[in-house]
Amino acid sequence: VDELKLNASPRLISEIGSTLVLDGGLGLGQSIAHDAMVMGIERAKVHGSSIVALHNSHHIGRIGHWAEQCAAAGLVSIHFVNVIAEPVVAPFGGTVARVVTNPISIGIPREGHAAVIVDFATSRLAHGKIRVAYNKGITVPEGTLIDAAGRPTNDPATLFTDPRGAILPFGEHKGWTLAFACEALAGALTGGEAIKGVVTRKAIVNNMLSILIAPNRIGTASSYFRELEEMITWVQSPAPGADPSVLLPGDPERKTRTERLRDGIPVDPATWAQILAAAGEIGVASSSLEAAAGL
């Protein structure tokens, strides 16, 4: 993280109508993306929609959070993100990593209910989940990974030890197509950078193209909410005698959040050791973290 710039704010490069181009200045991604969405929300409230082209930010974290931020303001939003870091995902038909997990998120506000939040990596499994499996010493589902020779494997070590393998895109050509779209829309179109060759930067750089839409400026808000709720009722209506088990996008994450707030966040020993080591590098004593965790 040598290139991370603390206390940076997004810099406005250009503003034409409701289209904003912002330079993240390699600032802390969570604050950079938040401020970028605030600016986009303000424009969408005035113009009915806005486009935010954010480039050159340090890692912006979970993309669904930005969709939630927009949904809380009553806006539908679509977010495409690319990642400039060591490639870990092989293209469909390829056997060597060429891109990263390039996520996409869509926020769909509801009236009187939690928003529907679509949020997924374009790889078969998120890189972080594979790292957790590696730290726990467990395998990942079949069909997730290939080794350095292009052979299927369920051993997550192939991503973290040399020679390195790759994650496969979800849905074969479909996931790869969306990953490619993220490179084009988030990387090239925003004025940022698309991945192209070996990455040697000491940073995880994100570029994000966000499209924000006010439902009351396309048709009416009442018709939007009515149609949305009628559709949700339809898709969640169980077959005769069946359990109502159809979840909406974002439901599993909300359930997990509730459980974590109640029971705490489980951390495996290897991950905890890595956290303590990282803290030690910046002079934070292990004892202070252990005390905070109640250990």
Protein backbone atom coordinates (compact mmCIF):
# COMPACT_ATOMS: atom_id res chain seq x y z
CA VAL A 1 0.00 0.00 0.00
CA ASP A 2 2.99 2.32 -0.47
CA GLU A 3 1.09 4.51 -2.96
CA LEU A 4 -1.92 5.11 -0.67
CA LYS A 5 -2.48 8.83 0.00
CA LEU A 6 -4.13 9.52 3.35
CA ASN A 7 -6.59 12.40 3.79
CA ALA A 8 -7.07 12.80 0.04
CA SER A 9 -10.37 13.93 -1.47
CA PRO A 10 -11.70 13.28 -4.98
CA ARG A 11 -10.64 16.01 -7.39
CA LEU A 12 -13.15 17.24 -9.96
CA ILE A 13 -11.59 16.91 -13.41
CA SER A 14 -14.65 17.95 -15.40
CA GLU A 15 -18.38 18.52 -15.01
CA ILE A 16 -20.62 18.69 -18.06
CA GLY A 17 -24.30 18.71 -17.16
CA SER A 18 -24.82 15.78 -14.81
CA THR A 19 -21.63 13.96 -15.83
CA LEU A 20 -18.73 14.12 -13.39
CA VAL A 21 -15.17 12.96 -13.93
CA LEU A 22 -13.24 12.57 -10.67
CA ASP A 23 -9.65 11.68 -9.85
CA GLY A 24 -9.37 9.71 -6.62
CA GLY A 25 -5.74 10.70 -6.19
CA LEU A 26 -4.96 7.22 -4.79
CA GLY A 27 -6.81 8.25 -1.64
CA LEU A 28 -8.43 5.90 0.86
CA GLY A 29 -11.07 4.27 -1.31
CA GLN A 30 -13.84 4.09 1.27
CA SER A 31 -13.87 7.87 1.75
CA ILE A 32 -13.13 8.68 -1.91
CA ALA A 33 -16.03 6.57 -3.20
CA HIS A 34 -18.38 7.90 -0.51
CA ASP A 35 -17.63 11.50 -1.47
CA ALA A 36 -17.97 10.65 -5.16
CA MET A 37 -21.43 9.17 -4.56
CA VAL A 38 -22.48 12.24 -2.55
CA MET A 39 -21.59 14.38 -5.56
CA GLY A 40 -23.41 12.04 -7.93
CA ILE A 41 -26.51 11.94 -5.73
CA GLU A 42 -26.65 15.74 -5.62
CA ARG A 43 -26.57 15.93 -9.44
CA ALA A 44 -29.11 13.14 -9.91
CA LYS A 45 -31.54 14.90 -7.57
CA VAL A 46 -31.32 17.99 -9.78
CA HIS A 47 -31.10 16.45 -13.26
CA GLY A 48 -32.92 13.14 -12.76
CA SER A 49 -29.78 11.13 -13.43
CA SER A 50 -26.04 11.43 -13.22
CA ILE A 51 -22.90 9.66 -14.36
CA VAL A 52 -19.87 9.54 -12.08
CA ALA A 53 -16.58 8.49 -13.65
CA LEU A 54 -14.17 7.90 -10.77
CA HIS A 55 -10.62 6.86 -11.59
CA ASN A 56 -7.34 6.36 -9.76
CA SER A 57 -8.72 5.55 -6.32
CA HIS A 58 -7.15 3.14 -3.87
CA HIS A 59 -9.28 0.05 -3.07
CA ILE A 60 -12.91 1.18 -2.61
CA GLY A 61 -14.02 -1.91 -0.70
CA ARG A 62 -17.39 -3.61 -1.07
CA ILE A 63 -19.12 -2.14 -4.13
CA GLY A 64 -22.59 -2.90 -2.79
CA HIS A 65 -22.05 -0.25 -0.13
CA TRP A 66 -22.12 2.47 -2.79
CA ALA A 67 -25.30 1.03 -4.26
CA GLU A 68 -26.78 1.10 -0.75
CA GLN A 69 -25.74 4.72 -0.35
CA CYS A 70 -27.54 5.66 -3.56
CA ALA A 71 -30.61 3.56 -2.70
CA ALA A 72 -30.85 5.29 0.69
CA ALA A 73 -31.17 8.53 -1.29
CA GLY A 74 -34.00 6.98 -3.34
CA LEU A 75 -31.91 6.40 -6.46
CA VAL A 76 -31.43 3.37 -8.66
CA SER A 77 -27.74 2.91 -9.40
CA ILE A 78 -25.44 0.75 -11.51
CA HIS A 79 -21.73 0.41 -10.79
CA PHE A 80 -18.95 -1.13 -12.88
CA VAL A 81 -15.49 -1.52 -11.29
CA ASN A 82 -12.13 -2.68 -12.57
CA VAL A 83 -9.04 -3.46 -10.54
CA ILE A 84 -5.42 -2.64 -11.33
CA ALA A 85 -3.52 -5.26 -9.34
CA GLU A 86 -1.92 -8.65 -9.91
CA PRO A 87 -4.23 -10.55 -12.33
CA VAL A 88 -6.02 -13.52 -10.72
CA VAL A 89 -8.83 -14.38 -13.17
CA ALA A 90 -8.39 -16.20 -16.47
CA PRO A 91 -10.53 -15.18 -19.46
CA PHE A 92 -13.01 -17.74 -20.75
CA GLY A 93 -11.02 -20.04 -23.01
CA GLY A 94 -7.71 -18.98 -21.43
CA THR A 95 -5.50 -20.68 -18.88
CA VAL A 96 -3.50 -17.72 -17.54
CA ALA A 97 -4.76 -14.93 -15.25
CA ARG A 98 -5.30 -11.70 -17.17
CA VAL A 99 -7.80 -9.64 -15.14
CA VAL A 100 -8.91 -9.28 -11.52
CA THR A 101 -12.35 -10.05 -10.06
CA ASN A 102 -13.98 -6.87 -11.53
CA PRO A 103 -17.22 -6.48 -9.53
CA ILE A 104 -20.60 -5.11 -10.57
CA SER A 105 -23.32 -3.75 -8.31
CA ILE A 106 -26.89 -2.53 -8.85
CA GLY A 107 -28.99 -0.80 -6.21
CA ILE A 108 -32.79 -0.95 -6.46
CA PRO A 109 -34.64 1.07 -3.79
CA ARG A 110 -37.98 -0.16 -2.46
CA GLU A 111 -40.74 1.65 -0.61
CA GLY A 112 -41.01 0.52 2.99
CA HIS A 113 -38.47 -2.30 2.57
CA ALA A 114 -34.72 -2.70 2.42
CA ALA A 115 -33.31 -2.03 -1.04
CA VAL A 116 -32.48 -4.87 -3.39
CA ILE A 117 -28.68 -4.89 -3.76
CA VAL A 118 -27.04 -6.84 -6.57
CA ASP A 119 -23.33 -7.16 -5.81
CA PHE A 120 -21.04 -9.79 -7.28
CA ALA A 121 -17.55 -10.45 -8.55
CA THR A 122 -17.31 -11.60 -12.16
CA SER A 123 -15.18 -14.54 -11.03
CA ARG A 124 -16.72 -17.79 -9.81
CA LEU A 125 -15.71 -16.94 -6.27
CA ALA A 126 -14.51 -13.68 -4.76
CA HIS A 127 -10.76 -13.50 -4.20
CA GLY A 128 -11.27 -12.76 -0.50
CA LYS A 129 -13.33 -15.92 -0.01
CA ILE A 130 -10.59 -17.97 -1.63
CA ARG A 131 -8.04 -16.39 0.71
CA VAL A 132 -10.22 -17.32 3.70
CA ALA A 133 -10.35 -20.92 2.45
CA TYR A 134 -6.56 -20.90 2.07
CA ASN A 135 -6.08 -19.57 5.59
CA LYS A 136 -8.47 -22.18 6.98
CA GLY A 137 -6.77 -24.98 5.08
CA ILE A 138 -9.95 -26.04 3.27
CA THR A 139 -10.78 -26.55 -0.40
CA VAL A 140 -13.00 -24.42 -2.63
CA PRO A 141 -15.88 -25.75 -4.77
CA GLU A 142 -14.99 -27.73 -7.86
CA GLY A 143 -14.88 -25.65 -11.03
CA THR A 144 -13.58 -22.53 -9.28
CA LEU A 145 -9.83 -22.69 -9.99
CA ILE A 146 -7.22 -23.89 -12.43
CA ASP A 147 -3.58 -24.47 -11.57
CA ALA A 148 -0.54 -23.02 -13.36
CA ALA A 149 -0.82 -25.73 -16.01
CA GLY A 150 -4.48 -24.94 -16.68
CA ARG A 151 -5.76 -28.05 -14.89
CA PRO A 152 -8.86 -27.90 -12.65
CA THR A 153 -8.08 -27.78 -8.93
CA ASN A 154 -9.94 -27.08 -5.72
CA ASP A 155 -6.80 -26.16 -3.76
CA PRO A 156 -6.79 -22.41 -2.97
CA ALA A 157 -3.00 -22.51 -2.52
CA THR A 158 -2.70 -22.23 -6.30
CA LEU A 159 -3.49 -18.50 -5.98
CA PHE A 160 -0.99 -17.80 -3.21
CA THR A 161 2.05 -19.97 -3.97
CA ASP A 162 4.21 -20.11 -7.09
CA PRO A 163 3.66 -21.13 -9.82
CA ARG A 164 0.25 -19.50 -9.60
CA GLY A 165 -3.01 -20.59 -11.13
CA ALA A 166 -6.18 -18.58 -11.69
CA ILE A 167 -9.83 -18.21 -10.81
CA LEU A 168 -12.33 -18.97 -13.57
CA PRO A 169 -15.05 -16.47 -14.54
CA PHE A 170 -18.56 -17.31 -13.35
CA GLY A 171 -20.91 -18.65 -15.98
CA GLU A 172 -18.00 -19.24 -18.36
CA HIS A 173 -18.36 -16.75 -21.25
CA LYS A 174 -20.97 -14.69 -19.39
CA GLY A 175 -18.76 -13.79 -16.45
CA TRP A 176 -15.84 -13.13 -18.77
CA THR A 177 -17.97 -10.82 -20.90
CA LEU A 178 -18.96 -8.80 -17.83
CA ALA A 179 -15.35 -8.70 -16.58
CA PHE A 180 -14.31 -7.36 -19.99
CA ALA A 181 -17.11 -4.78 -19.85
CA CYS A 182 -15.78 -3.60 -16.48
CA GLU A 183 -12.34 -3.06 -18.01
CA ALA A 184 -13.84 -1.05 -20.86
CA LEU A 185 -16.39 0.97 -18.86
CA ALA A 186 -14.62 1.44 -15.52
CA GLY A 187 -11.03 1.35 -16.74
CA ALA A 188 -10.90 2.94 -20.18
CA LEU A 189 -14.08 5.06 -20.27
CA THR A 190 -13.56 6.84 -16.93
CA GLY A 191 -10.17 8.18 -18.00
CA GLY A 192 -8.55 5.65 -15.73
CA GLU A 193 -6.53 2.58 -16.60
CA ALA A 194 -7.47 -0.81 -18.04
CA ILE A 195 -5.32 -3.77 -17.13
CA LYS A 196 -2.66 -4.53 -19.72
CA GLY A 197 0.34 -6.56 -18.71
CA VAL A 198 2.16 -7.29 -15.50
CA VAL A 199 1.16 -4.92 -12.68
CA THR A 200 4.09 -3.74 -10.57
CA ARG A 201 2.43 -0.88 -8.68
CA LYS A 202 2.39 -1.04 -4.89
CA ALA A 203 -1.31 -0.32 -4.74
CA ILE A 204 -4.69 -1.85 -5.48
CA VAL A 205 -6.23 0.74 -7.79
CA ASN A 206 -9.96 0.88 -8.52
CA ASN A 207 -11.81 2.76 -11.24
CA MET A 208 -15.62 2.92 -11.09
CA LEU A 209 -18.30 4.05 -13.52
CA SER A 210 -21.56 4.78 -11.68
CA ILE A 211 -24.93 5.59 -13.25
CA LEU A 212 -27.52 7.07 -10.88
CA ILE A 213 -31.21 7.38 -11.80
CA ALA A 214 -34.13 9.04 -9.99
CA PRO A 215 -37.23 6.83 -10.45
CA ASN A 216 -39.58 9.80 -10.24
CA ARG A 217 -37.99 11.30 -13.35
CA ILE A 218 -38.67 8.24 -15.50
CA GLY A 219 -42.40 7.62 -15.44
CA THR A 220 -43.58 8.10 -11.86
CA ALA A 221 -42.26 6.92 -8.52
CA SER A 222 -45.63 5.38 -7.67
CA SER A 223 -45.68 3.22 -10.81
CA TYR A 224 -42.06 2.20 -10.23
CA PHE A 225 -42.68 1.05 -6.67
CA ARG A 226 -45.98 -0.63 -7.57
CA GLU A 227 -44.54 -2.64 -10.43
CA LEU A 228 -41.48 -3.57 -8.40
CA GLU A 229 -43.48 -4.84 -5.42
CA GLU A 230 -45.94 -6.76 -7.59
CA MET A 231 -43.04 -8.48 -9.34
CA ILE A 232 -41.36 -9.32 -6.02
CA THR A 233 -44.60 -10.77 -4.67
CA TRP A 234 -44.90 -12.90 -7.79
CA VAL A 235 -41.38 -14.30 -7.80
CA GLN A 236 -41.47 -15.04 -4.07
CA SER A 237 -44.86 -16.76 -4.14
CA PRO A 238 -44.18 -20.46 -3.42
CA ALA A 239 -45.49 -23.35 -5.44
CA PRO A 240 -48.34 -25.22 -3.72
CA GLY A 241 -46.95 -27.11 -0.73
CA ALA A 242 -43.45 -25.62 -1.08
CA ASP A 243 -41.57 -23.51 1.44
CA PRO A 244 -41.20 -19.81 0.57
CA SER A 245 -37.46 -19.95 -0.07
CA VAL A 246 -36.86 -17.42 -2.86
CA LEU A 247 -34.40 -14.79 -1.67
CA LEU A 248 -33.85 -11.39 -3.22
CA PRO A 249 -30.38 -10.07 -4.03
CA GLY A 250 -28.90 -8.72 -0.80
CA ASP A 251 -31.01 -10.90 1.52
CA PRO A 252 -28.18 -13.32 2.41
CA GLU A 253 -25.86 -10.44 3.24
CA ARG A 254 -28.46 -8.78 5.47
CA LYS A 255 -28.98 -12.08 7.30
CA THR A 256 -25.23 -12.46 7.79
CA ARG A 257 -24.93 -8.87 9.03
CA THR A 258 -27.62 -9.51 11.65
CA GLU A 259 -25.83 -12.65 12.80
CA ARG A 260 -22.45 -10.92 12.95
CA LEU A 261 -23.83 -8.02 14.98
CA ARG A 262 -25.34 -10.52 17.40
CA ASP A 263 -22.60 -13.15 17.60
CA GLY A 264 -19.44 -11.36 16.46
CA ILE A 265 -17.25 -11.90 13.40
CA PRO A 266 -15.50 -15.28 13.18
CA VAL A 267 -11.80 -14.98 12.30
CA ASP A 268 -9.65 -18.04 11.67
CA PRO A 269 -6.25 -18.28 13.41
CA ALA A 270 -4.21 -17.69 10.24
CA THR A 271 -6.14 -14.54 9.36
CA TRP A 272 -5.87 -13.26 12.94
CA ALA A 273 -2.11 -13.81 12.85
CA GLN A 274 -1.93 -11.79 9.61
CA ILE A 275 -3.92 -8.97 11.22
CA LEU A 276 -1.57 -8.90 14.20
CA ALA A 277 1.47 -8.92 11.91
CA ALA A 278 0.09 -6.01 9.86
CA ALA A 279 -0.65 -4.08 13.05
CA GLY A 280 2.88 -4.71 14.27
CA GLU A 281 4.31 -3.20 11.09
CA ILE A 282 2.78 0.16 12.01
CA GLY A 283 3.58 -0.05 15.70
CA VAL A 284 0.25 -1.27 17.07
CA ALA A 285 0.77 -3.79 19.86
CA SER A 286 -0.90 -7.19 19.58
CA SER A 287 -2.15 -6.82 23.13
CA SER A 288 -4.31 -3.81 22.22
CA LEU A 289 -6.03 -5.70 19.40
CA GLU A 290 -6.50 -8.77 21.56
CA ALA A 291 -8.06 -6.62 24.28
CA ALA A 292 -10.40 -5.00 21.74
CA ALA A 293 -11.43 -8.47 20.55
CA GLY A 294 -12.05 -9.62 24.11
CA LEU A 295 -9.27 -12.20 24.03
